[in-house]
Amino acid sequence: MDRWPWLLAALIVLLFVVVPIALITRARRSKRTLAELPGDLKALAGDLVRLPGRLRRLAADPRTPRKARWALIGLAIYIASPIDPIPDFLPGIGHLDEAILVPIILVRIRRMIPTDIWAEYFPPRARPGTD
């Protein structure tokens, strides 16, 4: 069975349903206007494209704690593995386990890494309109 149609469907749902809801919720919490959402979406897309490379370099940095390195390697194996708790070929929910577990694991990994090392690979983004 070909997986590409399901991957494409999951990506479309993610981009056109989940991300806009998250951005609207974020805008409301931070008192930003809805007109600023396209810029936020563009920045988020750029961050997602750069994320694997940044995480790889972070895991290769000798200052990164060993436990965090192993967690990053385990996360990469989990994402690349065809064996999942929820099979990826199920429409709509196939990638749900990755969409839920990956951010939770990344938050835990972030807590293991010292702030100065994390800031080298993930510098804080300046907010438009704040000086």
Protein backbone atom coordinates (compact mmCIF):
# COMPACT_ATOMS: atom_id res chain seq x y z
CA MET A 1 0.00 0.00 0.00
CA ASP A 2 1.37 3.39 -0.95
CA ARG A 3 1.95 5.69 2.04
CA TRP A 4 2.35 8.97 0.12
CA PRO A 5 -1.35 9.82 -0.19
CA TRP A 6 -1.80 9.40 3.56
CA LEU A 7 1.32 11.42 4.35
CA LEU A 8 0.08 14.18 2.06
CA ALA A 9 -3.37 14.11 3.69
CA ALA A 10 -1.84 14.30 7.16
CA LEU A 11 0.38 17.21 6.10
CA ILE A 12 -2.59 19.07 4.62
CA VAL A 13 -4.61 18.57 7.81
CA LEU A 14 -1.66 19.72 9.89
CA LEU A 15 -1.02 22.82 7.80
CA PHE A 16 -4.61 23.91 7.26
CA VAL A 17 -6.28 22.85 10.51
CA VAL A 18 -3.87 22.33 13.40
CA VAL A 19 -1.36 25.11 12.70
CA PRO A 20 -3.95 27.87 12.13
CA ILE A 21 -5.80 26.92 15.32
CA ALA A 22 -2.52 26.97 17.25
CA LEU A 23 -1.56 30.33 15.78
CA ILE A 24 -4.94 31.90 16.54
CA THR A 25 -4.78 30.61 20.11
CA ARG A 26 -1.24 31.95 20.45
CA ALA A 27 -2.24 35.34 19.01
CA ARG A 28 -5.10 35.65 21.47
CA ARG A 29 -2.88 34.79 24.42
CA SER A 30 -0.16 37.24 23.41
CA LYS A 31 -2.63 40.01 22.45
CA ARG A 32 -1.38 40.01 18.87
CA THR A 33 -3.65 40.80 15.96
CA LEU A 34 -4.82 38.27 13.40
CA ALA A 35 -3.07 40.33 10.70
CA GLU A 36 0.26 39.21 12.20
CA LEU A 37 -0.56 35.50 11.78
CA PRO A 38 0.85 35.14 8.23
CA GLY A 39 4.24 36.36 9.47
CA ASP A 40 4.05 33.97 12.40
CA LEU A 41 3.16 31.11 10.06
CA LYS A 42 6.11 31.92 7.79
CA ALA A 43 8.48 32.04 10.77
CA LEU A 44 7.06 28.77 12.10
CA ALA A 45 7.55 27.07 8.72
CA GLY A 46 11.16 28.25 8.60
CA ASP A 47 11.75 26.96 12.11
CA LEU A 48 10.28 23.56 11.25
CA VAL A 49 12.52 23.27 8.18
CA ARG A 50 15.62 24.09 10.24
CA LEU A 51 14.65 21.95 13.25
CA PRO A 52 16.21 18.58 12.21
CA GLY A 53 19.59 20.13 11.40
CA ARG A 54 19.65 22.14 14.60
CA LEU A 55 18.76 19.09 16.68
CA ARG A 56 21.46 17.04 14.92
CA ARG A 57 24.10 19.69 15.64
CA LEU A 58 22.88 19.98 19.23
CA ALA A 59 23.23 16.22 19.72
CA ALA A 60 26.75 16.33 18.24
CA ASP A 61 27.87 19.15 20.57
CA PRO A 62 30.13 17.71 23.30
CA ARG A 63 28.64 20.14 25.86
CA THR A 64 25.20 18.57 25.48
CA PRO A 65 24.52 16.22 28.41
CA ARG A 66 24.76 12.54 27.54
CA LYS A 67 21.19 11.83 28.62
CA ALA A 68 19.88 14.55 26.28
CA ARG A 69 21.97 13.16 23.41
CA TRP A 70 20.54 9.69 23.87
CA ALA A 71 17.04 11.15 24.05
CA LEU A 72 17.61 13.04 20.76
CA ILE A 73 18.96 9.90 19.09
CA GLY A 74 16.01 7.87 20.40
CA LEU A 75 13.58 10.51 19.15
CA ALA A 76 15.16 10.44 15.67
CA ILE A 77 14.90 6.63 15.60
CA TYR A 78 11.27 6.76 16.73
CA ILE A 79 10.35 9.28 14.03
CA ALA A 80 12.12 7.29 11.30
CA SER A 81 10.85 3.90 12.47
CA PRO A 82 7.97 2.32 10.57
CA ILE A 83 6.78 0.69 13.82
CA ASP A 84 4.35 2.99 15.63
CA PRO A 85 1.68 2.63 18.32
CA ILE A 86 -0.79 4.04 15.78
CA PRO A 87 0.02 2.81 12.24
CA ASP A 88 0.78 5.67 9.85
CA PHE A 89 -1.47 4.30 7.11
CA LEU A 90 -4.63 5.06 9.12
CA PRO A 91 -6.15 8.21 7.61
CA GLY A 92 -6.32 11.21 9.89
CA ILE A 93 -4.92 9.59 13.03
CA GLY A 94 -1.89 7.78 11.63
CA HIS A 95 0.56 10.54 12.46
CA LEU A 96 -1.21 11.57 15.63
CA ASP A 97 1.25 9.72 17.87
CA GLU A 98 4.18 11.65 16.37
CA ALA A 99 2.28 14.94 16.52
CA ILE A 100 1.66 14.43 20.24
CA LEU A 101 4.79 12.63 21.44
CA VAL A 102 7.48 14.59 19.57
CA PRO A 103 6.67 18.00 21.14
CA ILE A 104 6.36 16.44 24.61
CA ILE A 105 9.73 14.71 24.25
CA LEU A 106 11.35 17.88 22.87
CA VAL A 107 10.13 19.85 25.90
CA ARG A 108 11.69 17.24 28.20
CA ILE A 109 14.95 17.31 26.22
CA ARG A 110 14.96 21.11 26.39
CA ARG A 111 14.86 20.91 30.20
CA MET A 112 17.96 18.66 30.20
CA ILE A 113 20.12 21.07 28.19
CA PRO A 114 21.71 24.18 29.76
CA THR A 115 20.19 27.45 28.59
CA ASP A 116 23.39 28.86 27.08
CA ILE A 117 23.94 25.79 24.90
CA TRP A 118 20.28 25.74 23.81
CA ALA A 119 20.42 29.46 22.93
CA GLU A 120 23.34 28.83 20.53
CA TYR A 121 21.25 26.50 18.41
CA PHE A 122 17.83 28.05 19.01
CA PRO A 123 18.34 31.81 19.43
CA PRO A 124 15.29 33.69 20.68
CA ARG A 125 13.36 35.30 17.87
CA ALA A 126 12.71 39.04 18.16
CA ARG A 127 9.03 39.92 18.13
CA PRO A 128 7.96 42.50 15.55
CA GLY A 129 7.08 45.78 17.20
CA THR A 130 9.18 45.14 20.34
CA ASP A 131 12.40 47.07 20.77
